[in-house]
Amino acid sequence: MSAWSNSYVSVDRKSREEPLILQKPFAGLLGSIQPGVLPELGDNREDGLLDRILFTYPEPVPSRWSDEEISHGAVDKYRDLYNALRGLYMDKDDHEEPVPKALGLCEDAKGLLVANINRLRQEMEEPWFPERLKGPWSKLEAYFARLCLILALSRTAGQKVGEQVEADDVGNAKCLLDYFKNHARRVSARLHERDSLEVLAEDLAAFLVLNGGRFKDEVSVLYDRLDSRHKGPRPEELSKRLRQLVLRYSHHIGFEDGRARNEEGKVQRYVEVFLKNAVHGVHAVHGGGSVG
């Protein structure tokens, strides 16, 4: 875990004639595990190890015979890219130790980087964001920068000309970040059972964002339009769950219900739910606002 953070390492044992010191250790680890064994890996772990792993957990595909092969051209390009990255020059300090080289960002790239980092943090601040995902999300910020760096150097392939992070590198890194976020959620779901009220709050917030931050109509209409597996078997159950949900997230979700006359003059029951406090990028929704 300390190597993940590039922390100083010193091995000073009696069996060694002189201590081994690694100023800036780098270790790349790659491996696989069966899904059935995954719960054992995460059993009662509170040390943050799993938060540092980028998981890929794709859906299984049928295994069938195929004559398709990796082309020689693809193999050659992969080898050339690896050798170019391997041969990158690093300056040395007064003690002949390698010194990492900083790679700059163009102005557009920095703007995209900052926007995506802020969006990542905003996700973590949402009241219904799963507590168990805050650890992985906090590490994704560092991974985002690392992915930008890898893509930029892969694009320039060790050439000094144009060796900086461009906007396209950040955009492609964002695609990879979204990929790993989705798989982190899937691994988390395999390890933990999510709170149904928590999921309903997330689904409701997404629905409200798409509808200007506010909904007011009969609960049956909300029931039909809300896409969530946790809204209950009937509209009346959804109404009960909305009251429970608002008790938990009262600072972020508003809820009212009552009776009002429709256009035909008939009295009907209605529910009104709305986002407040700039949740999900909806600013000052209660009383009017806009979706950011």
Protein backbone atom coordinates (compact mmCIF):
# COMPACT_ATOMS: atom_id res chain seq x y z
CA MET A 1 0.00 0.00 0.00
CA SER A 2 2.88 2.39 0.65
CA ALA A 3 4.34 1.53 -2.75
CA TRP A 4 1.03 2.55 -4.34
CA SER A 5 1.61 6.03 -2.93
CA ASN A 6 5.23 6.04 -4.11
CA SER A 7 6.40 6.28 -0.48
CA TYR A 8 10.01 6.01 0.65
CA VAL A 9 11.11 2.43 1.47
CA SER A 10 14.09 1.39 3.59
CA VAL A 11 15.20 -2.20 4.29
CA ASP A 12 17.75 -2.23 7.10
CA ARG A 13 18.28 -5.74 8.46
CA LYS A 14 21.24 -7.29 10.21
CA SER A 15 21.65 -9.78 7.37
CA ARG A 16 22.38 -6.91 4.94
CA GLU A 17 25.82 -5.34 4.77
CA GLU A 18 24.24 -1.99 3.93
CA PRO A 19 20.63 -0.77 3.94
CA LEU A 20 18.53 -0.93 0.79
CA ILE A 21 16.85 2.40 0.15
CA LEU A 22 14.21 3.07 -2.49
CA GLN A 23 13.54 6.78 -2.73
CA LYS A 24 10.63 6.50 -5.15
CA PRO A 25 9.50 2.89 -5.63
CA PHE A 26 7.25 2.01 -8.55
CA ALA A 27 5.45 -1.31 -8.72
CA GLY A 28 2.92 -2.38 -11.31
CA LEU A 29 0.79 -5.35 -10.26
CA LEU A 30 -1.49 -7.32 -12.55
CA GLY A 31 -3.47 -10.44 -11.77
CA SER A 32 -6.81 -12.21 -11.85
CA ILE A 33 -9.17 -13.85 -9.40
CA GLN A 34 -12.31 -15.95 -9.75
CA PRO A 35 -15.54 -14.08 -8.89
CA GLY A 36 -16.41 -16.77 -6.36
CA VAL A 37 -13.23 -16.04 -4.42
CA LEU A 38 -13.76 -12.28 -4.42
CA PRO A 39 -15.67 -12.21 -1.08
CA GLU A 40 -12.70 -13.91 0.60
CA LEU A 41 -10.40 -11.15 -0.66
CA GLY A 42 -12.59 -8.47 0.85
CA ASP A 43 -13.61 -10.27 4.04
CA ASN A 44 -13.33 -7.86 6.99
CA ARG A 45 -10.67 -5.73 5.29
CA GLU A 46 -10.45 -2.22 6.69
CA ASP A 47 -6.91 -1.39 5.56
CA GLY A 48 -7.73 0.25 2.22
CA LEU A 49 -6.04 -2.41 0.08
CA LEU A 50 -9.09 -3.03 -2.14
CA ASP A 51 -9.53 0.73 -2.61
CA ARG A 52 -6.21 0.80 -4.48
CA ILE A 53 -7.16 -1.88 -7.02
CA LEU A 54 -8.58 -1.01 -10.43
CA PHE A 55 -11.03 -3.84 -11.01
CA THR A 56 -12.24 -5.14 -14.36
CA TYR A 57 -15.27 -7.38 -13.90
CA PRO A 58 -16.88 -7.79 -17.36
CA GLU A 59 -19.92 -9.88 -18.13
CA PRO A 60 -19.02 -13.44 -19.20
CA VAL A 61 -19.22 -14.21 -22.92
CA PRO A 62 -19.80 -17.58 -24.56
CA SER A 63 -16.57 -19.40 -25.39
CA ARG A 64 -16.52 -20.61 -28.98
CA TRP A 65 -13.85 -21.61 -31.48
CA SER A 66 -12.44 -18.70 -33.45
CA ASP A 67 -9.82 -18.47 -36.20
CA GLU A 68 -9.18 -14.80 -35.43
CA GLU A 69 -5.63 -13.96 -34.42
CA ILE A 70 -3.76 -10.87 -33.33
CA SER A 71 -2.13 -9.45 -36.45
CA HIS A 72 1.65 -9.14 -36.77
CA GLY A 73 1.20 -5.42 -37.28
CA ALA A 74 -0.61 -5.06 -33.93
CA VAL A 75 2.09 -7.08 -32.18
CA ASP A 76 4.83 -4.93 -33.74
CA LYS A 77 3.10 -1.67 -32.73
CA TYR A 78 2.58 -2.90 -29.17
CA ARG A 79 6.22 -3.92 -28.89
CA ASP A 80 7.40 -0.61 -30.33
CA LEU A 81 5.22 1.34 -27.90
CA TYR A 82 6.52 -0.66 -24.94
CA ASN A 83 10.13 -0.15 -25.99
CA ALA A 84 9.55 3.58 -26.51
CA LEU A 85 8.08 3.96 -23.03
CA ARG A 86 10.78 1.76 -21.57
CA GLY A 87 13.46 3.92 -23.15
CA LEU A 88 12.20 7.25 -21.81
CA TYR A 89 15.10 9.27 -20.46
CA MET A 90 15.12 10.37 -16.81
CA ASP A 91 17.40 13.04 -15.39
CA LYS A 92 19.62 12.19 -12.45
CA ASP A 93 20.36 14.08 -9.27
CA ASP A 94 23.75 14.74 -7.66
CA HIS A 95 23.79 11.17 -6.33
CA GLU A 96 23.11 9.68 -9.78
CA GLU A 97 19.60 8.72 -8.73
CA PRO A 98 16.81 9.03 -11.34
CA VAL A 99 14.59 12.08 -10.98
CA PRO A 100 11.00 11.92 -12.26
CA LYS A 101 10.19 14.40 -15.00
CA ALA A 102 7.09 16.52 -14.69
CA LEU A 103 4.81 16.64 -17.73
CA GLY A 104 2.85 19.83 -18.29
CA LEU A 105 -0.79 20.23 -19.29
CA CYS A 106 -2.06 22.50 -22.00
CA GLU A 107 -4.67 25.03 -20.87
CA ASP A 108 -7.65 23.09 -22.23
CA ALA A 109 -6.39 19.86 -20.67
CA LYS A 110 -6.04 21.45 -17.25
CA GLY A 111 -9.58 22.82 -17.40
CA LEU A 112 -10.97 19.37 -18.22
CA LEU A 113 -8.84 17.75 -15.53
CA VAL A 114 -10.06 20.16 -12.85
CA ALA A 115 -13.71 19.82 -13.94
CA ASN A 116 -13.59 16.02 -13.79
CA ILE A 117 -11.81 15.97 -10.42
CA ASN A 118 -14.42 18.33 -8.98
CA ARG A 119 -17.19 16.16 -10.43
CA LEU A 120 -15.63 13.10 -8.82
CA ARG A 121 -15.57 14.84 -5.43
CA GLN A 122 -19.14 16.06 -5.87
CA GLU A 123 -20.29 12.47 -6.37
CA MET A 124 -18.70 11.51 -3.06
CA GLU A 125 -20.45 14.40 -1.27
CA GLU A 126 -23.94 13.33 -2.31
CA PRO A 127 -25.83 12.10 0.76
CA TRP A 128 -26.81 8.78 -0.77
CA PHE A 129 -23.35 7.96 -2.11
CA PRO A 130 -22.40 4.53 -0.68
CA GLU A 131 -19.96 4.83 2.19
CA ARG A 132 -18.04 1.76 0.99
CA LEU A 133 -17.30 3.45 -2.37
CA LYS A 134 -15.73 6.56 -0.86
CA GLY A 135 -12.42 4.71 -0.42
CA PRO A 136 -12.10 3.66 -4.08
CA TRP A 137 -13.38 7.04 -5.30
CA SER A 138 -10.73 8.88 -3.26
CA LYS A 139 -8.03 6.83 -5.02
CA LEU A 140 -9.55 7.39 -8.48
CA GLU A 141 -8.41 11.01 -8.40
CA ALA A 142 -4.78 9.87 -8.41
CA TYR A 143 -5.53 7.19 -10.98
CA PHE A 144 -7.10 9.81 -13.23
CA ALA A 145 -3.84 11.80 -13.30
CA ARG A 146 -1.84 8.61 -13.89
CA LEU A 147 -4.06 7.59 -16.80
CA CYS A 148 -3.68 11.04 -18.36
CA LEU A 149 0.10 10.71 -18.08
CA ILE A 150 0.18 7.20 -19.58
CA LEU A 151 -2.01 8.19 -22.51
CA ALA A 152 0.01 11.34 -23.20
CA LEU A 153 3.32 9.46 -23.23
CA SER A 154 1.83 6.64 -25.30
CA ARG A 155 0.63 9.19 -27.84
CA THR A 156 4.00 10.91 -28.16
CA ALA A 157 5.84 7.55 -27.89
CA GLY A 158 8.86 9.13 -26.23
CA GLN A 159 9.22 12.01 -28.67
CA LYS A 160 10.24 15.26 -27.04
CA VAL A 161 8.13 17.28 -29.49
CA GLY A 162 4.59 17.74 -28.18
CA GLU A 163 5.35 15.89 -24.94
CA GLN A 164 2.54 17.30 -22.79
CA VAL A 165 -0.94 16.30 -21.70
CA GLU A 166 -3.52 17.39 -24.26
CA ALA A 167 -7.30 17.69 -23.93
CA ASP A 168 -7.81 14.44 -25.86
CA ASP A 169 -5.62 12.61 -23.32
CA VAL A 170 -7.83 13.85 -20.48
CA GLY A 171 -10.99 12.95 -22.39
CA ASN A 172 -9.76 9.43 -23.08
CA ALA A 173 -8.64 9.07 -19.46
CA LYS A 174 -12.17 10.08 -18.41
CA CYS A 175 -13.57 7.21 -20.49
CA LEU A 176 -11.24 4.81 -18.70
CA LEU A 177 -12.17 6.35 -15.35
CA ASP A 178 -15.88 5.79 -16.02
CA TYR A 179 -15.10 2.19 -16.98
CA PHE A 180 -13.28 1.50 -13.72
CA LYS A 181 -15.99 3.29 -11.70
CA ASN A 182 -18.64 1.01 -13.15
CA HIS A 183 -16.62 -2.07 -12.33
CA ALA A 184 -15.85 -0.81 -8.83
CA ARG A 185 -19.61 -0.57 -8.28
CA ARG A 186 -20.08 -4.11 -9.53
CA VAL A 187 -17.35 -5.48 -7.26
CA SER A 188 -18.82 -3.55 -4.34
CA ALA A 189 -22.26 -4.99 -5.04
CA ARG A 190 -20.72 -8.47 -5.00
CA LEU A 191 -19.08 -7.79 -1.64
CA HIS A 192 -21.86 -5.80 0.02
CA GLU A 193 -25.62 -5.59 -0.12
CA ARG A 194 -26.76 -2.06 -0.88
CA ASP A 195 -29.37 -0.27 1.21
CA SER A 196 -32.56 -0.18 -0.91
CA LEU A 197 -33.48 3.29 0.38
CA GLU A 198 -30.03 4.53 -0.61
CA VAL A 199 -30.49 3.21 -4.15
CA LEU A 200 -34.00 4.72 -4.37
CA ALA A 201 -32.59 8.12 -3.38
CA GLU A 202 -29.97 7.85 -6.12
CA ASP A 203 -32.57 6.82 -8.72
CA LEU A 204 -34.94 9.60 -7.63
CA ALA A 205 -32.20 12.24 -7.79
CA ALA A 206 -31.28 11.16 -11.33
CA PHE A 207 -34.97 11.34 -12.32
CA LEU A 208 -35.36 14.83 -10.83
CA VAL A 209 -32.26 16.13 -12.59
CA LEU A 210 -33.77 15.06 -15.91
CA ASN A 211 -37.00 16.86 -14.99
CA GLY A 212 -35.60 20.23 -13.94
CA GLY A 213 -35.10 19.30 -10.30
CA ARG A 214 -38.78 19.09 -9.39
CA PHE A 215 -41.80 16.83 -9.88
CA LYS A 216 -45.40 17.54 -8.89
CA ASP A 217 -48.26 15.23 -9.89
CA GLU A 218 -50.18 12.19 -8.71
CA VAL A 219 -48.03 9.54 -7.05
CA SER A 220 -49.22 7.02 -9.64
CA VAL A 221 -47.66 9.19 -12.37
CA LEU A 222 -44.38 9.33 -10.48
CA TYR A 223 -44.54 5.58 -9.96
CA ASP A 224 -44.96 4.96 -13.69
CA ARG A 225 -42.19 7.35 -14.72
CA LEU A 226 -39.59 6.60 -12.06
CA ASP A 227 -37.16 3.91 -13.21
CA SER A 228 -36.16 2.12 -9.99
CA ARG A 229 -36.34 -1.43 -8.72
CA HIS A 230 -36.78 -0.12 -5.19
CA LYS A 231 -39.98 1.94 -5.52
CA GLY A 232 -42.18 -0.85 -4.17
CA PRO A 233 -44.90 -2.98 -5.76
CA ARG A 234 -47.56 -0.20 -5.79
CA PRO A 235 -47.76 3.61 -5.88
CA GLU A 236 -48.89 3.67 -2.23
CA GLU A 237 -45.68 1.88 -1.24
CA LEU A 238 -43.63 4.46 -3.13
CA SER A 239 -45.36 7.23 -1.21
CA LYS A 240 -44.39 5.59 2.10
CA ARG A 241 -40.81 5.10 0.97
CA LEU A 242 -40.59 8.75 -0.10
CA ARG A 243 -41.44 9.82 3.45
CA GLN A 244 -38.74 7.50 4.82
CA LEU A 245 -36.28 8.77 2.26
CA VAL A 246 -36.90 12.44 3.08
CA LEU A 247 -36.39 11.80 6.80
CA ARG A 248 -32.90 10.53 5.98
CA TYR A 249 -32.01 13.11 3.31
CA SER A 250 -34.05 16.12 4.46
CA HIS A 251 -31.24 18.57 3.69
CA HIS A 252 -31.08 17.47 0.05
CA ILE A 253 -34.53 16.24 -1.00
CA GLY A 254 -37.81 18.01 -0.30
CA PHE A 255 -41.20 16.31 -0.21
CA GLU A 256 -44.77 17.54 0.10
CA ASP A 257 -48.14 15.92 -0.48
CA GLY A 258 -51.72 17.13 -0.37
CA ARG A 259 -54.86 17.66 -2.39
CA ALA A 260 -55.54 20.03 -5.28
CA ARG A 261 -58.12 20.53 -8.01
CA ASN A 262 -57.14 19.50 -11.49
CA GLU A 263 -58.12 21.23 -14.73
CA GLU A 264 -61.48 19.43 -14.65
CA GLY A 265 -62.22 20.70 -11.15
CA LYS A 266 -61.78 17.32 -9.47
CA VAL A 267 -59.87 17.07 -6.21
CA GLN A 268 -56.85 14.79 -6.50
CA ARG A 269 -54.01 13.83 -4.23
CA TYR A 270 -50.56 14.93 -5.37
CA VAL A 271 -46.93 14.53 -4.33
CA GLU A 272 -44.18 17.07 -4.88
CA VAL A 273 -40.50 16.13 -4.64
CA PHE A 274 -37.59 18.41 -5.38
CA LEU A 275 -33.83 18.70 -5.02
CA LYS A 276 -32.29 21.46 -2.95
CA ASN A 277 -28.86 22.65 -1.84
CA ALA A 278 -27.32 22.29 -5.33
CA VAL A 279 -27.48 18.49 -5.35
CA HIS A 280 -26.51 16.85 -8.66
CA GLY A 281 -25.71 20.25 -10.17
CA VAL A 282 -29.26 21.58 -9.70
CA HIS A 283 -28.91 25.05 -8.20
CA ALA A 284 -31.66 26.65 -6.09
CA VAL A 285 -34.24 24.27 -7.47
CA HIS A 286 -36.83 25.02 -4.79
CA GLY A 287 -38.47 28.14 -6.12
CA GLY A 288 -36.97 27.94 -9.61
CA GLY A 289 -33.60 27.12 -11.05
CA SER A 290 -31.76 25.31 -13.78
CA VAL A 291 -30.03 22.04 -14.38
CA GLY A 292 -26.24 22.36 -14.70
